Amino acid sequence: MKEEIRRILKMLEEGKISSDEAYRLIMALKEEPKYQRKEEVLESKFGESMENFIMNVISSTFEMVGKSLSSVPVIPFMKDIGEAFLSASSIMKGDMFENLPEDFYMVHIIEGNVHVETSSDSQLEPGKYKEKHLRVPEDSKLAVAVVDGSITVEGNYKEILVHIADGDVVVKGNFDELNLNIIDGDITIYTPLDDLSVDVKIVSGDIYAEGSPRKEGNRYIYGNGRRKITGRIIDGDFKINQL
């Protein structure tokens, strides 16, 4: 146990963990059954706290840089980059979910590929989830946030919110509203095009739209444009395909 405690104190000295985390780790080591390997205890207890510690440091740094860059109004792209840093910080912390109604299914993953689909026999209730594969009832409201990984959404939804810092997104199905907040990644949408409007700001990347939409300013409109795709992509291509 002495070796494990020395390791904890060294991490405290190097600033990798707080004094409170160091205390909790040492107490956990002392309280574990003797038959359990102390190395396993250290890793299991330290792993989660270290992940949170690192993510908090990174997200705070991103937030600080984002606020600094966003305050440079004379250079438009600097404001966009600043907002991207702020978005990345928000995605890491998952605080974009704080003001969502209670009828949303919310998925927040730091790293990994997420796949969500609708199912007529799903009994899942709205709430917050960390599963990478989720089946939700049809016509649900869905919000997904991933820091590093891909997102695939299939099925029929009322509303979809997608936040991703680094990774590609595929949406296949029907929806009334789709809102995208993409820092770095390509987006491919497969959906009916007879009543769709697309109003997505892209800082670096291109839009590819199947069919013959009419253009009004930066908007692409199919039919009456009742269903909506909105949002922002900092770096990535956006493709719309007929389902």
C-alpha atoms as a PDB file:
ATOM      1  CA  MET A   1       0.000   0.000   0.000  1.00  0.00           C
ATOM      2  CA  LYS A   2       2.900   2.378   0.698  1.00  0.00           C
ATOM      3  CA  GLU A   3       3.879   2.334  -2.987  1.00  0.00           C
ATOM      4  CA  GLU A   4       0.319   3.214  -4.084  1.00  0.00           C
ATOM      5  CA  ILE A   5       0.176   6.094  -1.600  1.00  0.00           C
ATOM      6  CA  ARG A   6       3.533   7.403  -2.862  1.00  0.00           C
ATOM      7  CA  ARG A   7       2.141   7.348  -6.387  1.00  0.00           C
ATOM      8  CA  ILE A   8      -0.929   9.286  -5.291  1.00  0.00           C
ATOM      9  CA  LEU A   9       1.180  11.878  -3.463  1.00  0.00           C
ATOM     10  CA  LYS A  10       3.422  12.249  -6.507  1.00  0.00           C
ATOM     11  CA  MET A  11       0.390  12.924  -8.717  1.00  0.00           C
ATOM     12  CA  LEU A  12      -0.795  15.493  -6.171  1.00  0.00           C
ATOM     13  CA  GLU A  13       2.626  17.164  -6.181  1.00  0.00           C
ATOM     14  CA  GLU A  14       2.615  17.290 -10.007  1.00  0.00           C
ATOM     15  CA  GLY A  15      -0.839  18.896 -10.015  1.00  0.00           C
ATOM     16  CA  LYS A  16      -2.546  15.980 -11.758  1.00  0.00           C
ATOM     17  CA  ILE A  17      -5.130  15.598  -8.988  1.00  0.00           C
ATOM     18  CA  SER A  18      -6.507  17.846  -6.249  1.00  0.00           C
ATOM     19  CA  SER A  19      -5.879  17.371  -2.539  1.00  0.00           C
ATOM     20  CA  ASP A  20      -9.500  16.232  -2.141  1.00  0.00           C
ATOM     21  CA  GLU A  21      -9.062  13.573  -4.846  1.00  0.00           C
ATOM     22  CA  ALA A  22      -5.790  12.431  -3.251  1.00  0.00           C
ATOM     23  CA  TYR A  23      -7.510  12.050   0.140  1.00  0.00           C
ATOM     24  CA  ARG A  24     -10.403  10.035  -1.348  1.00  0.00           C
ATOM     25  CA  LEU A  25      -8.003   7.741  -3.227  1.00  0.00           C
ATOM     26  CA  ILE A  26      -5.922   7.034  -0.136  1.00  0.00           C
ATOM     27  CA  MET A  27      -9.026   6.353   1.953  1.00  0.00           C
ATOM     28  CA  ALA A  28     -10.361   4.030  -0.758  1.00  0.00           C
ATOM     29  CA  LEU A  29      -7.119   2.070  -0.696  1.00  0.00           C
ATOM     30  CA  LYS A  30      -7.344   1.620   3.064  1.00  0.00           C
ATOM     31  CA  GLU A  31     -10.981   0.533   2.968  1.00  0.00           C
ATOM     32  CA  GLU A  32     -10.690  -2.086   0.192  1.00  0.00           C
ATOM     33  CA  PRO A  33     -10.717  -5.796   1.153  1.00  0.00           C
ATOM     34  CA  LYS A  34      -7.268  -7.258   1.582  1.00  0.00           C
ATOM     35  CA  TYR A  35      -7.801  -9.874  -1.122  1.00  0.00           C
ATOM     36  CA  GLN A  36      -8.198  -7.238  -3.843  1.00  0.00           C
ATOM     37  CA  ARG A  37      -5.036  -6.193  -5.646  1.00  0.00           C
ATOM     38  CA  LYS A  38      -4.147  -2.656  -4.645  1.00  0.00           C
ATOM     39  CA  GLU A  39      -3.072  -1.782  -8.206  1.00  0.00           C
ATOM     40  CA  GLU A  40      -6.611  -2.538  -9.394  1.00  0.00           C
ATOM     41  CA  VAL A  41      -8.046  -0.393  -6.612  1.00  0.00           C
ATOM     42  CA  LEU A  42      -5.849   2.519  -7.587  1.00  0.00           C
ATOM     43  CA  GLU A  43      -6.722   2.273 -11.250  1.00  0.00           C
ATOM     44  CA  SER A  44     -10.459   1.915 -10.737  1.00  0.00           C
ATOM     45  CA  LYS A  45     -10.632   4.828  -8.309  1.00  0.00           C
ATOM     46  CA  PHE A  46      -8.175   7.055 -10.117  1.00  0.00           C
ATOM     47  CA  GLY A  47      -9.397   6.414 -13.650  1.00  0.00           C
ATOM     48  CA  GLU A  48     -12.770   8.116 -13.351  1.00  0.00           C
ATOM     49  CA  SER A  49     -11.536  11.081 -11.318  1.00  0.00           C
ATOM     50  CA  MET A  50      -8.608  11.617 -13.672  1.00  0.00           C
ATOM     51  CA  GLU A  51     -10.892  11.573 -16.727  1.00  0.00           C
ATOM     52  CA  ASN A  52     -13.131  14.177 -15.129  1.00  0.00           C
ATOM     53  CA  PHE A  53     -10.106  16.226 -14.083  1.00  0.00           C
ATOM     54  CA  ILE A  54      -8.636  16.239 -17.598  1.00  0.00           C
ATOM     55  CA  MET A  55     -11.977  17.037 -19.261  1.00  0.00           C
ATOM     56  CA  ASN A  56     -12.605  19.906 -16.856  1.00  0.00           C
ATOM     57  CA  VAL A  57      -9.174  21.396 -17.561  1.00  0.00           C
ATOM     58  CA  ILE A  58      -9.588  21.084 -21.348  1.00  0.00           C
ATOM     59  CA  SER A  59     -13.148  22.422 -21.391  1.00  0.00           C
ATOM     60  CA  SER A  60     -12.176  25.382 -19.192  1.00  0.00           C
ATOM     61  CA  THR A  61      -9.251  26.166 -21.505  1.00  0.00           C
ATOM     62  CA  PHE A  62     -11.482  25.957 -24.574  1.00  0.00           C
ATOM     63  CA  GLU A  63     -14.003  28.264 -22.915  1.00  0.00           C
ATOM     64  CA  MET A  64     -11.320  30.823 -22.073  1.00  0.00           C
ATOM     65  CA  VAL A  65      -9.862  30.775 -25.616  1.00  0.00           C
ATOM     66  CA  GLY A  66     -13.350  30.880 -27.146  1.00  0.00           C
ATOM     67  CA  LYS A  67     -14.361  33.976 -25.199  1.00  0.00           C
ATOM     68  CA  SER A  68     -11.113  35.680 -26.146  1.00  0.00           C
ATOM     69  CA  LEU A  69     -11.457  34.972 -29.884  1.00  0.00           C
ATOM     70  CA  SER A  70     -15.179  35.772 -29.963  1.00  0.00           C
ATOM     71  CA  SER A  71     -14.404  39.287 -28.768  1.00  0.00           C
ATOM     72  CA  VAL A  72     -12.520  40.147 -32.003  1.00  0.00           C
ATOM     73  CA  PRO A  73     -15.384  41.593 -34.122  1.00  0.00           C
ATOM     74  CA  VAL A  74     -13.167  43.032 -36.875  1.00  0.00           C
ATOM     75  CA  ILE A  75     -12.162  39.557 -38.085  1.00  0.00           C
ATOM     76  CA  PRO A  76     -15.352  37.516 -38.750  1.00  0.00           C
ATOM     77  CA  PHE A  77     -13.676  34.105 -38.990  1.00  0.00           C
ATOM     78  CA  MET A  78     -12.012  34.668 -35.611  1.00  0.00           C
ATOM     79  CA  LYS A  79     -15.465  35.039 -34.083  1.00  0.00           C
ATOM     80  CA  ASP A  80     -16.503  31.751 -35.745  1.00  0.00           C
ATOM     81  CA  ILE A  81     -13.429  29.978 -34.386  1.00  0.00           C
ATOM     82  CA  GLY A  82     -14.065  31.454 -30.949  1.00  0.00           C
ATOM     83  CA  GLU A  83     -17.639  30.188 -31.025  1.00  0.00           C
ATOM     84  CA  ALA A  84     -16.316  26.776 -32.069  1.00  0.00           C
ATOM     85  CA  PHE A  85     -14.100  26.659 -28.966  1.00  0.00           C
ATOM     86  CA  LEU A  86     -17.063  27.643 -26.799  1.00  0.00           C
ATOM     87  CA  SER A  87     -19.165  24.922 -28.450  1.00  0.00           C
ATOM     88  CA  ALA A  88     -16.425  22.344 -27.878  1.00  0.00           C
ATOM     89  CA  SER A  89     -16.285  23.311 -24.200  1.00  0.00           C
ATOM     90  CA  SER A  90     -20.054  22.995 -23.943  1.00  0.00           C
ATOM     91  CA  ILE A  91     -19.983  19.566 -25.631  1.00  0.00           C
ATOM     92  CA  MET A  92     -17.311  18.313 -23.226  1.00  0.00           C
ATOM     93  CA  LYS A  93     -19.268  19.417 -20.174  1.00  0.00           C
ATOM     94  CA  GLY A  94     -22.642  18.401 -21.596  1.00  0.00           C
ATOM     95  CA  ASP A  95     -24.213  21.637 -20.404  1.00  0.00           C
ATOM     96  CA  MET A  96     -26.064  22.151 -23.703  1.00  0.00           C
ATOM     97  CA  PHE A  97     -28.667  19.797 -22.219  1.00  0.00           C
ATOM     98  CA  GLU A  98     -29.371  21.934 -19.141  1.00  0.00           C
ATOM     99  CA  ASN A  99     -32.305  23.885 -20.595  1.00  0.00           C
ATOM    100  CA  LEU A 100     -33.868  21.102 -22.653  1.00  0.00           C
ATOM    101  CA  PRO A 101     -37.422  19.984 -21.817  1.00  0.00           C
ATOM    102  CA  GLU A 102     -37.863  16.766 -19.861  1.00  0.00           C
ATOM    103  CA  ASP A 103     -39.295  14.922 -22.878  1.00  0.00           C
ATOM    104  CA  PHE A 104     -35.868  14.694 -24.593  1.00  0.00           C
ATOM    105  CA  TYR A 105     -33.718  11.581 -24.806  1.00  0.00           C
ATOM    106  CA  MET A 106     -30.200  12.918 -24.147  1.00  0.00           C
ATOM    107  CA  VAL A 107     -27.002  11.007 -24.958  1.00  0.00           C
ATOM    108  CA  HIS A 108     -23.602  12.391 -23.884  1.00  0.00           C
ATOM    109  CA  ILE A 109     -20.420  10.467 -24.737  1.00  0.00           C
ATOM    110  CA  ILE A 110     -16.843  11.712 -24.380  1.00  0.00           C
ATOM    111  CA  GLU A 111     -15.248   9.197 -26.755  1.00  0.00           C
ATOM    112  CA  GLY A 112     -16.788   6.560 -29.011  1.00  0.00           C
ATOM    113  CA  ASN A 113     -19.292   5.979 -31.794  1.00  0.00           C
ATOM    114  CA  VAL A 114     -22.975   6.490 -30.996  1.00  0.00           C
ATOM    115  CA  HIS A 115     -25.871   4.817 -32.812  1.00  0.00           C
ATOM    116  CA  VAL A 116     -29.475   5.733 -32.004  1.00  0.00           C
ATOM    117  CA  GLU A 117     -32.531   4.279 -33.733  1.00  0.00           C
ATOM    118  CA  THR A 118     -36.281   4.377 -33.207  1.00  0.00           C
ATOM    119  CA  SER A 119     -38.330   1.293 -32.442  1.00  0.00           C
ATOM    120  CA  SER A 120     -42.100   0.861 -32.158  1.00  0.00           C
ATOM    121  CA  ASP A 121     -41.656  -1.497 -29.186  1.00  0.00           C
ATOM    122  CA  SER A 122     -39.120   0.584 -27.224  1.00  0.00           C
ATOM    123  CA  GLN A 123     -40.191   1.229 -23.628  1.00  0.00           C
ATOM    124  CA  LEU A 124     -37.304   3.581 -22.874  1.00  0.00           C
ATOM    125  CA  GLU A 125     -38.212   6.730 -20.960  1.00  0.00           C
ATOM    126  CA  PRO A 126     -36.846  10.235 -21.695  1.00  0.00           C
ATOM    127  CA  GLY A 127     -33.744  11.139 -19.700  1.00  0.00           C
ATOM    128  CA  LYS A 128     -29.939  11.238 -19.818  1.00  0.00           C
ATOM    129  CA  TYR A 129     -27.971   8.253 -21.131  1.00  0.00           C
ATOM    130  CA  LYS A 130     -24.353   7.283 -21.777  1.00  0.00           C
ATOM    131  CA  GLU A 131     -25.062   4.154 -23.830  1.00  0.00           C
ATOM    132  CA  LYS A 132     -23.440   4.070 -27.255  1.00  0.00           C
ATOM    133  CA  HIS A 133     -26.326   2.112 -28.794  1.00  0.00           C
ATOM    134  CA  LEU A 134     -29.823   3.268 -27.916  1.00  0.00           C
ATOM    135  CA  ARG A 135     -33.322   2.382 -29.132  1.00  0.00           C
ATOM    136  CA  VAL A 136     -35.940   5.045 -28.440  1.00  0.00           C
ATOM    137  CA  PRO A 137     -39.677   5.224 -29.242  1.00  0.00           C
ATOM    138  CA  GLU A 138     -40.726   6.628 -32.608  1.00  0.00           C
ATOM    139  CA  ASP A 139     -41.451  10.367 -32.886  1.00  0.00           C
ATOM    140  CA  SER A 140     -39.143  11.103 -29.935  1.00  0.00           C
ATOM    141  CA  LYS A 141     -37.080  14.199 -29.265  1.00  0.00           C
ATOM    142  CA  LEU A 142     -33.368  13.344 -29.293  1.00  0.00           C
ATOM    143  CA  ALA A 143     -30.212  15.237 -28.306  1.00  0.00           C
ATOM    144  CA  VAL A 144     -26.774  13.670 -28.847  1.00  0.00           C
ATOM    145  CA  ALA A 145     -23.386  15.112 -27.867  1.00  0.00           C
ATOM    146  CA  VAL A 146     -20.038  13.438 -28.628  1.00  0.00           C
ATOM    147  CA  VAL A 147     -16.566  14.891 -28.112  1.00  0.00           C
ATOM    148  CA  ASP A 148     -14.578  12.404 -30.205  1.00  0.00           C
ATOM    149  CA  GLY A 149     -16.407   9.817 -32.312  1.00  0.00           C
ATOM    150  CA  SER A 150     -19.159   9.415 -34.874  1.00  0.00           C
ATOM    151  CA  ILE A 151     -22.939   9.759 -34.572  1.00  0.00           C
ATOM    152  CA  THR A 152     -25.503   7.727 -36.517  1.00  0.00           C
ATOM    153  CA  VAL A 153     -29.213   8.438 -36.081  1.00  0.00           C
ATOM    154  CA  GLU A 154     -31.881   6.349 -37.811  1.00  0.00           C
ATOM    155  CA  GLY A 155     -35.673   6.374 -37.676  1.00  0.00           C
ATOM    156  CA  ASN A 156     -38.531   8.834 -37.234  1.00  0.00           C
ATOM    157  CA  TYR A 157     -38.227  11.770 -34.826  1.00  0.00           C
ATOM    158  CA  LYS A 158     -39.978  14.995 -33.939  1.00  0.00           C
ATOM    159  CA  GLU A 159     -36.723  16.797 -33.196  1.00  0.00           C
ATOM    160  CA  ILE A 160     -33.004  15.962 -33.326  1.00  0.00           C
ATOM    161  CA  LEU A 161     -30.159  18.002 -31.834  1.00  0.00           C
ATOM    162  CA  VAL A 162     -26.622  16.938 -32.726  1.00  0.00           C
ATOM    163  CA  HIS A 163     -23.465  18.325 -31.096  1.00  0.00           C
ATOM    164  CA  ILE A 164     -20.086  16.886 -32.048  1.00  0.00           C
ATOM    165  CA  ALA A 165     -16.540  18.196 -31.622  1.00  0.00           C
ATOM    166  CA  ASP A 166     -14.631  15.771 -33.847  1.00  0.00           C
ATOM    167  CA  GLY A 167     -16.358  13.123 -35.941  1.00  0.00           C
ATOM    168  CA  ASP A 168     -18.777  12.409 -38.772  1.00  0.00           C
ATOM    169  CA  VAL A 169     -22.570  12.406 -38.567  1.00  0.00           C
ATOM    170  CA  VAL A 170     -25.117  10.342 -40.508  1.00  0.00           C
ATOM    171  CA  VAL A 171     -28.856  10.926 -40.125  1.00  0.00           C
ATOM    172  CA  LYS A 172     -31.217   8.590 -41.959  1.00  0.00           C
ATOM    173  CA  GLY A 173     -34.963   8.941 -41.585  1.00  0.00           C
ATOM    174  CA  ASN A 174     -37.729  11.468 -41.045  1.00  0.00           C
ATOM    175  CA  PHE A 175     -37.851  14.421 -38.668  1.00  0.00           C
ATOM    176  CA  ASP A 176     -39.604  17.749 -38.219  1.00  0.00           C
ATOM    177  CA  GLU A 177     -36.476  19.591 -37.056  1.00  0.00           C
ATOM    178  CA  LEU A 178     -32.772  18.806 -37.140  1.00  0.00           C
ATOM    179  CA  ASN A 179     -30.258  21.175 -35.558  1.00  0.00           C
ATOM    180  CA  LEU A 180     -26.526  20.630 -36.079  1.00  0.00           C
ATOM    181  CA  ASN A 181     -23.573  22.011 -34.142  1.00  0.00           C
ATOM    182  CA  ILE A 182     -20.469  20.486 -35.752  1.00  0.00           C
ATOM    183  CA  ILE A 183     -16.890  21.540 -35.035  1.00  0.00           C
ATOM    184  CA  ASP A 184     -14.986  19.156 -37.324  1.00  0.00           C
ATOM    185  CA  GLY A 185     -16.658  16.440 -39.381  1.00  0.00           C
ATOM    186  CA  ASP A 186     -18.727  15.594 -42.457  1.00  0.00           C
ATOM    187  CA  ILE A 187     -22.510  15.328 -42.275  1.00  0.00           C
ATOM    188  CA  THR A 188     -24.635  13.118 -44.511  1.00  0.00           C
ATOM    189  CA  ILE A 189     -28.434  13.284 -44.374  1.00  0.00           C
ATOM    190  CA  TYR A 190     -30.817  10.765 -45.974  1.00  0.00           C
ATOM    191  CA  THR A 191     -34.392  12.036 -45.748  1.00  0.00           C
ATOM    192  CA  PRO A 192     -37.464  12.790 -47.922  1.00  0.00           C
ATOM    193  CA  LEU A 193     -36.879  16.006 -49.878  1.00  0.00           C
ATOM    194  CA  ASP A 194     -40.439  17.013 -50.731  1.00  0.00           C
ATOM    195  CA  ASP A 195     -40.956  19.506 -47.863  1.00  0.00           C
ATOM    196  CA  LEU A 196     -37.517  20.393 -46.492  1.00  0.00           C
ATOM    197  CA  SER A 197     -35.650  23.639 -45.875  1.00  0.00           C
ATOM    198  CA  VAL A 198     -31.910  23.739 -45.158  1.00  0.00           C
ATOM    199  CA  ASP A 199     -30.337  26.729 -43.425  1.00  0.00           C
ATOM    200  CA  VAL A 200     -26.877  25.636 -42.280  1.00  0.00           C
ATOM    201  CA  LYS A 201     -23.903  27.979 -41.952  1.00  0.00           C
ATOM    202  CA  ILE A 202     -20.613  26.405 -43.056  1.00  0.00           C
ATOM    203  CA  VAL A 203     -17.331  28.172 -42.260  1.00  0.00           C
ATOM    204  CA  SER A 204     -15.099  25.736 -44.172  1.00  0.00           C
ATOM    205  CA  GLY A 205     -16.702  23.112 -46.393  1.00  0.00           C
ATOM    206  CA  ASP A 206     -19.304  22.587 -49.090  1.00  0.00           C
ATOM    207  CA  ILE A 207     -23.001  21.736 -49.396  1.00  0.00           C
ATOM    208  CA  TYR A 208     -24.126  19.003 -51.789  1.00  0.00           C
ATOM    209  CA  ALA A 209     -27.905  18.875 -52.306  1.00  0.00           C
ATOM    210  CA  GLU A 210     -29.683  16.219 -54.365  1.00  0.00           C
ATOM    211  CA  GLY A 211     -32.689  17.130 -56.473  1.00  0.00           C
ATOM    212  CA  SER A 212     -33.581  20.666 -57.491  1.00  0.00           C
ATOM    213  CA  PRO A 213     -34.065  22.873 -54.434  1.00  0.00           C
ATOM    214  CA  ARG A 214     -34.705  26.569 -54.897  1.00  0.00           C
ATOM    215  CA  LYS A 215     -32.266  28.920 -53.216  1.00  0.00           C
ATOM    216  CA  GLU A 216     -33.249  31.903 -51.077  1.00  0.00           C
ATOM    217  CA  GLY A 217     -30.115  33.567 -49.767  1.00  0.00           C
ATOM    218  CA  ASN A 218     -28.215  30.811 -47.946  1.00  0.00           C
ATOM    219  CA  ARG A 219     -31.268  28.549 -47.653  1.00  0.00           C
ATOM    220  CA  TYR A 220     -32.062  25.539 -49.806  1.00  0.00           C
ATOM    221  CA  ILE A 221     -35.802  24.853 -50.005  1.00  0.00           C
ATOM    222  CA  TYR A 222     -37.638  21.771 -51.245  1.00  0.00           C
ATOM    223  CA  GLY A 223     -41.415  22.060 -51.672  1.00  0.00           C
ATOM    224  CA  ASN A 224     -43.085  23.977 -48.838  1.00  0.00           C
ATOM    225  CA  GLY A 225     -40.028  23.773 -46.582  1.00  0.00           C
ATOM    226  CA  ARG A 226     -42.066  22.742 -43.530  1.00  0.00           C
ATOM    227  CA  ARG A 227     -39.384  20.428 -42.118  1.00  0.00           C
ATOM    228  CA  LYS A 228     -36.205  22.222 -41.140  1.00  0.00           C
ATOM    229  CA  ILE A 229     -32.470  21.602 -40.936  1.00  0.00           C
ATOM    230  CA  THR A 230     -30.557  24.392 -39.186  1.00  0.00           C
ATOM    231  CA  GLY A 231     -27.192  24.821 -37.499  1.00  0.00           C
ATOM    232  CA  ARG A 232     -23.516  25.491 -38.024  1.00  0.00           C
ATOM    233  CA  ILE A 233     -20.526  23.524 -39.301  1.00  0.00           C
ATOM    234  CA  ILE A 234     -17.049  24.915 -38.663  1.00  0.00           C
ATOM    235  CA  ASP A 235     -15.105  22.470 -40.832  1.00  0.00           C
ATOM    236  CA  GLY A 236     -16.788  19.774 -42.912  1.00  0.00           C
ATOM    237  CA  ASP A 237     -18.940  18.977 -45.919  1.00  0.00           C
ATOM    238  CA  PHE A 238     -22.718  18.698 -45.758  1.00  0.00           C
ATOM    239  CA  LYS A 239     -24.647  16.327 -48.022  1.00  0.00           C
ATOM    240  CA  ILE A 240     -28.419  15.974 -48.475  1.00  0.00           C
ATOM    241  CA  ASN A 241     -29.704  12.803 -50.152  1.00  0.00           C
ATOM    242  CA  GLN A 242     -33.195  11.634 -51.078  1.00  0.00           C
ATOM    243  CA  LEU A 243     -34.422   8.779 -48.885  1.00  0.00           C
END
